Amino acid sequence: IVLHSDNGSPMKGATMLVTLQNLGVIPSFSRPSVSNDNPYSESLFKTLKYTPIYPSKPFDTIETAREWVLTFVRWYNHHHHHSGIKFVTPHARHSGKDKEILKNREKVYQEAKSRNPERWTGNIRNWDLIEKVDLNPDKEKMIKEKKAA
């Protein structure tokens, strides 16, 4: 059995490595800047670890842990606004409600700018719908897009 992980210190710590060795698990690490990790999962885990409701002590039972995770997942999917999809929730994105939300945001920003133009130094925030979200976007494509912006 091989456990592939990032190069994070928790995964490379002596205690973890000894535990893996005792279990007969072979550790495997990503090379720097060449990650095969799922960025969506990584984002989810970071949000989970830093949420204010993250438990400060172990769960008493597996059922308690499952209830906590279910509550977190509901919040994450229905209430947490994600920067990678223009600050809408995954539920809004998957149900198609994000289109209306983003159009409304653009309208609100345009109205705010017209009422108080002195508060704006340039264009309003770009609320255009992101049609496609790449898991591992091509680096050259990203460089070209940054230069064009």
N, C-alpha and C. Protein backbone atom coordinates (compact mmCIF):
# COMPACT_ATOMS: atom_id res chain seq x y z
N ILE A 1 0.85 -1.18 0.00
CA ILE A 1 0.00 0.00 0.00
C ILE A 1 0.89 1.23 0.00
N VAL A 2 0.54 2.20 -0.86
CA VAL A 2 1.29 3.45 -0.97
C VAL A 2 0.37 4.60 -0.62
N LEU A 3 0.83 5.50 0.23
CA LEU A 3 0.08 6.72 0.56
C LEU A 3 0.76 7.89 -0.12
N HIS A 4 0.10 8.44 -1.15
CA HIS A 4 0.65 9.60 -1.84
C HIS A 4 0.12 10.86 -1.18
N SER A 5 1.02 11.80 -0.89
CA SER A 5 0.61 13.05 -0.25
C SER A 5 1.50 14.18 -0.73
N ASP A 6 1.15 15.38 -0.28
CA ASP A 6 1.97 16.53 -0.63
C ASP A 6 3.22 16.54 0.25
N ASN A 7 4.01 17.57 0.13
CA ASN A 7 5.24 17.67 0.92
C ASN A 7 5.03 18.40 2.24
N GLY A 8 3.80 18.43 2.72
CA GLY A 8 3.50 19.12 3.96
C GLY A 8 4.18 18.49 5.16
N SER A 9 4.54 19.34 6.12
CA SER A 9 5.26 18.86 7.30
C SER A 9 4.49 17.80 8.09
N PRO A 10 3.14 17.87 8.21
CA PRO A 10 2.46 16.81 8.96
C PRO A 10 2.67 15.43 8.34
N MET A 11 2.69 15.38 7.01
CA MET A 11 2.84 14.09 6.33
C MET A 11 4.28 13.59 6.35
N LYS A 12 5.25 14.50 6.52
CA LYS A 12 6.65 14.11 6.52
C LYS A 12 7.24 14.01 7.93
N GLY A 13 6.40 14.27 8.93
CA GLY A 13 6.86 14.24 10.32
C GLY A 13 7.25 12.83 10.75
N ALA A 14 8.16 12.77 11.70
CA ALA A 14 8.69 11.49 12.16
C ALA A 14 7.60 10.56 12.70
N THR A 15 6.65 11.10 13.45
CA THR A 15 5.59 10.27 14.02
C THR A 15 4.76 9.63 12.93
N MET A 16 4.40 10.42 11.92
CA MET A 16 3.61 9.88 10.81
C MET A 16 4.40 8.82 10.04
N LEU A 17 5.67 9.10 9.77
CA LEU A 17 6.48 8.14 9.01
C LEU A 17 6.66 6.83 9.77
N VAL A 18 6.85 6.90 11.08
CA VAL A 18 6.98 5.68 11.88
C VAL A 18 5.66 4.91 11.87
N THR A 19 4.55 5.63 11.99
CA THR A 19 3.23 4.98 11.96
C THR A 19 3.01 4.28 10.63
N LEU A 20 3.34 4.97 9.54
CA LEU A 20 3.19 4.34 8.22
C LEU A 20 4.06 3.10 8.10
N GLN A 21 5.31 3.20 8.58
CA GLN A 21 6.23 2.07 8.52
C GLN A 21 5.67 0.89 9.32
N ASN A 22 5.16 1.16 10.51
CA ASN A 22 4.58 0.10 11.34
C ASN A 22 3.38 -0.57 10.69
N LEU A 23 2.66 0.18 9.87
CA LEU A 23 1.49 -0.36 9.17
C LEU A 23 1.84 -0.99 7.82
N GLY A 24 3.10 -0.89 7.44
CA GLY A 24 3.52 -1.44 6.16
C GLY A 24 3.11 -0.59 4.97
N VAL A 25 2.91 0.71 5.22
CA VAL A 25 2.50 1.64 4.17
C VAL A 25 3.73 2.39 3.67
N ILE A 26 3.87 2.50 2.36
CA ILE A 26 5.01 3.19 1.77
C ILE A 26 4.61 4.64 1.50
N PRO A 27 5.33 5.61 2.10
CA PRO A 27 4.99 7.01 1.82
C PRO A 27 5.50 7.44 0.44
N SER A 28 4.74 8.27 -0.23
CA SER A 28 5.10 8.82 -1.53
C SER A 28 4.78 10.31 -1.50
N PHE A 29 5.72 11.14 -1.95
CA PHE A 29 5.53 12.59 -1.87
C PHE A 29 5.62 13.23 -3.24
N SER A 30 4.84 14.28 -3.42
CA SER A 30 4.90 15.06 -4.66
C SER A 30 6.22 15.79 -4.72
N ARG A 31 6.70 16.01 -5.93
CA ARG A 31 7.87 16.85 -6.11
C ARG A 31 7.42 18.30 -5.98
N PRO A 32 8.27 19.18 -5.51
CA PRO A 32 7.88 20.58 -5.40
C PRO A 32 7.43 21.14 -6.75
N SER A 33 6.34 21.86 -6.74
CA SER A 33 5.76 22.50 -7.93
C SER A 33 5.27 21.52 -8.98
N VAL A 34 5.20 20.25 -8.66
CA VAL A 34 4.69 19.25 -9.60
C VAL A 34 3.69 18.38 -8.82
N SER A 35 2.62 19.01 -8.42
CA SER A 35 1.66 18.31 -7.57
C SER A 35 0.60 17.60 -8.38
N ASN A 36 0.24 16.43 -7.94
CA ASN A 36 -0.88 15.71 -8.52
C ASN A 36 -2.10 15.80 -7.59
N ASP A 37 -1.99 16.65 -6.60
CA ASP A 37 -3.08 16.79 -5.64
C ASP A 37 -4.29 17.41 -6.32
N ASN A 38 -5.44 17.15 -5.77
CA ASN A 38 -6.67 17.74 -6.25
C ASN A 38 -6.82 19.09 -5.54
N PRO A 39 -6.71 20.21 -6.26
CA PRO A 39 -6.78 21.51 -5.60
C PRO A 39 -8.12 21.77 -4.93
N TYR A 40 -9.19 21.17 -5.44
CA TYR A 40 -10.49 21.36 -4.81
C TYR A 40 -10.51 20.67 -3.44
N SER A 41 -9.96 19.47 -3.38
CA SER A 41 -9.89 18.76 -2.10
C SER A 41 -8.99 19.49 -1.13
N GLU A 42 -7.85 19.98 -1.63
CA GLU A 42 -6.94 20.73 -0.76
C GLU A 42 -7.63 21.96 -0.19
N SER A 43 -8.39 22.67 -1.03
CA SER A 43 -9.12 23.84 -0.57
C SER A 43 -10.15 23.46 0.48
N LEU A 44 -10.86 22.37 0.23
CA LEU A 44 -11.86 21.88 1.18
C LEU A 44 -11.20 21.57 2.52
N PHE A 45 -10.08 20.85 2.50
CA PHE A 45 -9.42 20.48 3.75
C PHE A 45 -8.93 21.71 4.52
N LYS A 46 -8.41 22.69 3.80
CA LYS A 46 -7.94 23.91 4.48
C LYS A 46 -9.12 24.64 5.10
N THR A 47 -10.21 24.75 4.36
CA THR A 47 -11.40 25.40 4.91
C THR A 47 -11.89 24.65 6.13
N LEU A 48 -11.89 23.32 6.06
CA LEU A 48 -12.33 22.50 7.18
C LEU A 48 -11.47 22.75 8.41
N LYS A 49 -10.15 22.74 8.22
CA LYS A 49 -9.23 22.88 9.36
C LYS A 49 -9.31 24.26 10.01
N TYR A 50 -9.63 25.29 9.22
CA TYR A 50 -9.61 26.65 9.76
C TYR A 50 -11.00 27.21 10.04
N THR A 51 -12.03 26.39 9.91
CA THR A 51 -13.37 26.87 10.22
C THR A 51 -13.48 27.10 11.74
N PRO A 52 -14.19 28.17 12.15
CA PRO A 52 -14.31 28.44 13.59
C PRO A 52 -14.97 27.31 14.37
N ILE A 53 -15.75 26.47 13.70
CA ILE A 53 -16.41 25.38 14.43
C ILE A 53 -15.60 24.09 14.45
N TYR A 54 -14.35 24.16 13.97
CA TYR A 54 -13.51 22.95 13.98
C TYR A 54 -13.33 22.50 15.42
N PRO A 55 -13.55 21.22 15.69
CA PRO A 55 -13.49 20.73 17.08
C PRO A 55 -12.09 20.87 17.69
N SER A 56 -12.06 21.20 18.96
CA SER A 56 -10.78 21.36 19.65
C SER A 56 -10.31 20.06 20.31
N LYS A 57 -11.17 19.06 20.35
CA LYS A 57 -10.80 17.77 20.93
C LYS A 57 -11.39 16.65 20.08
N PRO A 58 -10.90 15.44 20.25
CA PRO A 58 -11.42 14.31 19.45
C PRO A 58 -12.92 14.08 19.69
N PHE A 59 -13.57 13.51 18.69
CA PHE A 59 -14.98 13.18 18.83
C PHE A 59 -15.14 11.99 19.78
N ASP A 60 -16.25 11.99 20.50
CA ASP A 60 -16.51 10.89 21.44
C ASP A 60 -16.86 9.59 20.73
N THR A 61 -17.59 9.72 19.61
CA THR A 61 -18.01 8.52 18.89
C THR A 61 -17.89 8.78 17.39
N ILE A 62 -17.90 7.72 16.62
CA ILE A 62 -17.87 7.84 15.16
C ILE A 62 -19.14 8.54 14.67
N GLU A 63 -20.26 8.30 15.36
CA GLU A 63 -21.51 8.95 14.97
C GLU A 63 -21.41 10.46 15.16
N THR A 64 -20.80 10.91 16.25
CA THR A 64 -20.62 12.34 16.49
C THR A 64 -19.74 12.95 15.41
N ALA A 65 -18.69 12.24 15.02
CA ALA A 65 -17.81 12.72 13.96
C ALA A 65 -18.57 12.82 12.65
N ARG A 66 -19.36 11.83 12.34
CA ARG A 66 -20.14 11.86 11.09
C ARG A 66 -21.14 13.00 11.07
N GLU A 67 -21.78 13.25 12.20
CA GLU A 67 -22.74 14.36 12.29
C GLU A 67 -22.01 15.70 12.07
N TRP A 68 -20.85 15.85 12.68
CA TRP A 68 -20.10 17.10 12.52
C TRP A 68 -19.70 17.29 11.06
N VAL A 69 -19.19 16.24 10.43
CA VAL A 69 -18.76 16.35 9.03
C VAL A 69 -19.96 16.66 8.14
N LEU A 70 -21.09 16.02 8.38
CA LEU A 70 -22.29 16.28 7.58
C LEU A 70 -22.72 17.75 7.71
N THR A 71 -22.68 18.29 8.91
CA THR A 71 -23.01 19.70 9.13
C THR A 71 -22.03 20.60 8.38
N PHE A 72 -20.75 20.26 8.46
CA PHE A 72 -19.74 21.06 7.76
C PHE A 72 -19.96 21.02 6.25
N VAL A 73 -20.21 19.83 5.69
CA VAL A 73 -20.38 19.68 4.25
C VAL A 73 -21.61 20.45 3.77
N ARG A 74 -22.67 20.42 4.55
CA ARG A 74 -23.85 21.22 4.18
C ARG A 74 -23.51 22.70 4.13
N TRP A 75 -22.82 23.18 5.16
CA TRP A 75 -22.41 24.58 5.19
C TRP A 75 -21.50 24.90 4.00
N TYR A 76 -20.52 24.05 3.75
CA TYR A 76 -19.55 24.26 2.67
C TYR A 76 -20.24 24.35 1.31
N ASN A 77 -21.21 23.50 1.06
CA ASN A 77 -21.88 23.46 -0.23
C ASN A 77 -22.99 24.50 -0.39
N HIS A 78 -23.62 24.90 0.70
CA HIS A 78 -24.80 25.77 0.60
C HIS A 78 -24.59 27.20 1.13
N HIS A 79 -23.53 27.43 1.90
CA HIS A 79 -23.35 28.76 2.50
C HIS A 79 -21.97 29.38 2.27
N HIS A 80 -20.96 28.58 2.07
CA HIS A 80 -19.59 29.08 1.90
C HIS A 80 -19.38 29.56 0.46
N HIS A 81 -18.98 30.83 0.32
CA HIS A 81 -18.76 31.41 -1.00
C HIS A 81 -17.32 31.18 -1.44
N HIS A 82 -17.15 30.59 -2.63
CA HIS A 82 -15.84 30.17 -3.12
C HIS A 82 -15.25 31.20 -4.08
N SER A 83 -14.03 31.61 -3.80
CA SER A 83 -13.38 32.63 -4.63
C SER A 83 -13.13 32.14 -6.05
N GLY A 84 -12.86 30.88 -6.24
CA GLY A 84 -12.56 30.34 -7.57
C GLY A 84 -13.75 30.33 -8.51
N ILE A 85 -14.96 30.50 -7.97
CA ILE A 85 -16.17 30.54 -8.80
C ILE A 85 -16.93 31.84 -8.52
N LYS A 86 -16.18 32.91 -8.34
CA LYS A 86 -16.73 34.28 -8.20
C LYS A 86 -17.61 34.45 -6.97
N PHE A 87 -17.24 33.80 -5.89
CA PHE A 87 -17.90 33.96 -4.60
C PHE A 87 -19.37 33.55 -4.61
N VAL A 88 -19.64 32.43 -5.27
CA VAL A 88 -20.95 31.80 -5.15
C VAL A 88 -20.74 30.46 -4.46
N THR A 89 -21.80 29.85 -4.03
CA THR A 89 -21.68 28.55 -3.36
C THR A 89 -21.63 27.43 -4.40
N PRO A 90 -21.08 26.29 -4.06
CA PRO A 90 -21.13 25.16 -4.99
C PRO A 90 -22.56 24.80 -5.39
N HIS A 91 -23.48 24.90 -4.45
CA HIS A 91 -24.87 24.59 -4.77
C HIS A 91 -25.41 25.54 -5.83
N ALA A 92 -25.12 26.84 -5.68
CA ALA A 92 -25.57 27.81 -6.68
C ALA A 92 -24.95 27.51 -8.03
N ARG A 93 -23.70 27.14 -8.03
CA ARG A 93 -23.01 26.82 -9.28
C ARG A 93 -23.64 25.61 -9.96
N HIS A 94 -23.83 24.54 -9.20
CA HIS A 94 -24.33 23.29 -9.78
C HIS A 94 -25.80 23.37 -10.17
N SER A 95 -26.55 24.25 -9.52
CA SER A 95 -27.98 24.38 -9.84
C SER A 95 -28.23 25.43 -10.92
N GLY A 96 -27.17 26.15 -11.34
CA GLY A 96 -27.33 27.18 -12.38
C GLY A 96 -27.76 28.53 -11.85
N LYS A 97 -27.92 28.65 -10.54
CA LYS A 97 -28.34 29.92 -9.94
C LYS A 97 -27.22 30.96 -9.96
N ASP A 98 -26.00 30.53 -10.20
CA ASP A 98 -24.87 31.47 -10.19
C ASP A 98 -24.98 32.52 -11.28
N LYS A 99 -25.58 32.16 -12.41
CA LYS A 99 -25.72 33.12 -13.52
C LYS A 99 -26.53 34.34 -13.08
N GLU A 100 -27.65 34.10 -12.44
CA GLU A 100 -28.50 35.19 -11.96
C GLU A 100 -27.81 35.98 -10.84
N ILE A 101 -27.15 35.28 -9.95
CA ILE A 101 -26.46 35.93 -8.84
C ILE A 101 -25.39 36.88 -9.38
N LEU A 102 -24.60 36.41 -10.34
CA LEU A 102 -23.51 37.23 -10.88
C LEU A 102 -24.05 38.42 -11.68
N LYS A 103 -25.14 38.23 -12.43
CA LYS A 103 -25.75 39.35 -13.15
C LYS A 103 -26.25 40.40 -12.17
N ASN A 104 -26.85 39.96 -11.09
CA ASN A 104 -27.35 40.88 -10.07
C ASN A 104 -26.21 41.64 -9.41
N ARG A 105 -25.12 40.95 -9.12
CA ARG A 105 -23.95 41.62 -8.52
C ARG A 105 -23.41 42.70 -9.44
N GLU A 106 -23.32 42.37 -10.73
CA GLU A 106 -22.82 43.36 -11.68
C GLU A 106 -23.72 44.59 -11.69
N LYS A 107 -25.02 44.37 -11.68
CA LYS A 107 -25.99 45.47 -11.66
C LYS A 107 -25.81 46.33 -10.40
N VAL A 108 -25.68 45.69 -9.27
CA VAL A 108 -25.50 46.42 -8.00
C VAL A 108 -24.22 47.25 -8.05
N TYR A 109 -23.14 46.68 -8.54
CA TYR A 109 -21.87 47.41 -8.63
C TYR A 109 -21.97 48.58 -9.60
N GLN A 110 -22.64 48.36 -10.75
CA GLN A 110 -22.80 49.44 -11.74
C GLN A 110 -23.61 50.60 -11.13
N GLU A 111 -24.66 50.27 -10.40
CA GLU A 111 -25.48 51.30 -9.76
C GLU A 111 -24.69 52.04 -8.68
N ALA A 112 -23.91 51.32 -7.92
CA ALA A 112 -23.08 51.95 -6.88
C ALA A 112 -22.06 52.90 -7.51
N LYS A 113 -21.47 52.47 -8.60
CA LYS A 113 -20.48 53.31 -9.29
C LYS A 113 -21.14 54.57 -9.87
N SER A 114 -22.35 54.42 -10.42
CA SER A 114 -23.02 55.59 -10.99
C SER A 114 -23.47 56.57 -9.90
N ARG A 115 -23.81 56.07 -8.72
CA ARG A 115 -24.22 56.95 -7.61
C ARG A 115 -23.03 57.66 -6.97
N ASN A 116 -21.88 56.98 -6.93
CA ASN A 116 -20.69 57.53 -6.27
C ASN A 116 -19.45 57.30 -7.13
N PRO A 117 -19.34 57.94 -8.27
CA PRO A 117 -18.22 57.67 -9.18
C PRO A 117 -16.87 58.03 -8.58
N GLU A 118 -16.85 58.95 -7.63
CA GLU A 118 -15.58 59.35 -7.02
C GLU A 118 -14.95 58.23 -6.18
N ARG A 119 -15.73 57.24 -5.82
CA ARG A 119 -15.22 56.12 -5.03
C ARG A 119 -14.59 55.04 -5.89
N TRP A 120 -14.64 55.21 -7.21
CA TRP A 120 -14.15 54.19 -8.14
C TRP A 120 -12.99 54.76 -8.94
N THR A 121 -11.90 54.04 -8.97
CA THR A 121 -10.73 54.49 -9.73
C THR A 121 -10.65 53.83 -11.10
N GLY A 122 -11.46 52.84 -11.33
CA GLY A 122 -11.43 52.12 -12.61
C GLY A 122 -12.75 51.40 -12.81
N ASN A 123 -12.66 50.25 -13.44
CA ASN A 123 -13.85 49.44 -13.70
C ASN A 123 -14.34 48.76 -12.44
N ILE A 124 -15.58 48.31 -12.49
CA ILE A 124 -16.09 47.51 -11.37
C ILE A 124 -15.45 46.13 -11.42
N ARG A 125 -15.63 45.38 -10.36
CA ARG A 125 -15.13 44.01 -10.33
C ARG A 125 -15.76 43.19 -11.45
N ASN A 126 -14.99 42.29 -12.00
CA ASN A 126 -15.47 41.43 -13.08
C ASN A 126 -16.34 40.33 -12.48
N TRP A 127 -17.63 40.40 -12.81
CA TRP A 127 -18.57 39.38 -12.33
C TRP A 127 -19.01 38.45 -13.46
N ASP A 128 -18.22 38.36 -14.54
CA ASP A 128 -18.55 37.45 -15.64
C ASP A 128 -18.50 36.01 -15.14
N LEU A 129 -19.42 35.22 -15.65
CA LEU A 129 -19.48 33.80 -15.29
C LEU A 129 -18.22 33.10 -15.77
N ILE A 130 -17.67 32.28 -14.91
CA ILE A 130 -16.55 31.43 -15.31
C ILE A 130 -17.16 30.17 -15.89
N GLU A 131 -17.01 30.00 -17.20
CA GLU A 131 -17.63 28.87 -17.88
C GLU A 131 -17.00 27.54 -17.50
N LYS A 132 -15.67 27.54 -17.41
CA LYS A 132 -14.95 26.28 -17.20
C LYS A 132 -13.93 26.48 -16.09
N VAL A 133 -13.91 25.55 -15.16
CA VAL A 133 -12.93 25.58 -14.09
C VAL A 133 -12.03 24.38 -14.29
N ASP A 134 -10.73 24.64 -14.54
CA ASP A 134 -9.78 23.55 -14.78
C ASP A 134 -9.22 23.03 -13.48
N LEU A 135 -9.07 21.71 -13.42
CA LEU A 135 -8.48 21.08 -12.25
C LEU A 135 -6.98 21.37 -12.20
N ASN A 136 -6.28 21.13 -13.28
CA ASN A 136 -4.86 21.42 -13.39
C ASN A 136 -4.63 22.17 -14.69
N PRO A 137 -4.87 23.49 -14.68
CA PRO A 137 -4.76 24.23 -15.93
C PRO A 137 -3.34 24.20 -16.50
N ASP A 138 -3.27 24.26 -17.80
CA ASP A 138 -2.01 24.27 -18.50
C ASP A 138 -1.23 25.53 -18.11
N LYS A 139 0.02 25.37 -17.68
CA LYS A 139 0.81 26.51 -17.22
C LYS A 139 1.01 27.55 -18.31
N GLU A 140 1.25 27.13 -19.54
CA GLU A 140 1.46 28.09 -20.63
C GLU A 140 0.19 28.88 -20.88
N LYS A 141 -0.96 28.22 -20.82
CA LYS A 141 -2.24 28.90 -21.01
C LYS A 141 -2.43 29.95 -19.92
N MET A 142 -2.09 29.62 -18.69
CA MET A 142 -2.23 30.57 -17.58
C MET A 142 -1.33 31.78 -17.79
N ILE A 143 -0.12 31.57 -18.25
CA ILE A 143 0.83 32.66 -18.49
C ILE A 143 0.28 33.60 -19.57
N LYS A 144 -0.25 33.01 -20.65
CA LYS A 144 -0.82 33.81 -21.74
C LYS A 144 -2.00 34.63 -21.24
N GLU A 145 -2.86 34.02 -20.44
CA GLU A 145 -4.04 34.72 -19.92
C GLU A 145 -3.63 35.87 -19.00
N LYS A 146 -2.59 35.68 -18.20
CA LYS A 146 -2.13 36.75 -17.30
C LYS A 146 -1.56 37.91 -18.10
N LYS A 147 -0.84 37.61 -19.18
CA LYS A 147 -0.25 38.66 -20.00
C LYS A 147 -1.35 39.45 -20.72
N ALA A 148 -2.42 38.75 -21.12
CA ALA A 148 -3.50 39.41 -21.85
C ALA A 148 -4.34 40.30 -20.93
N ALA A 149 -4.35 40.01 -19.64
CA ALA A 149 -5.18 40.76 -18.69
C ALA A 149 -4.64 42.12 -18.33
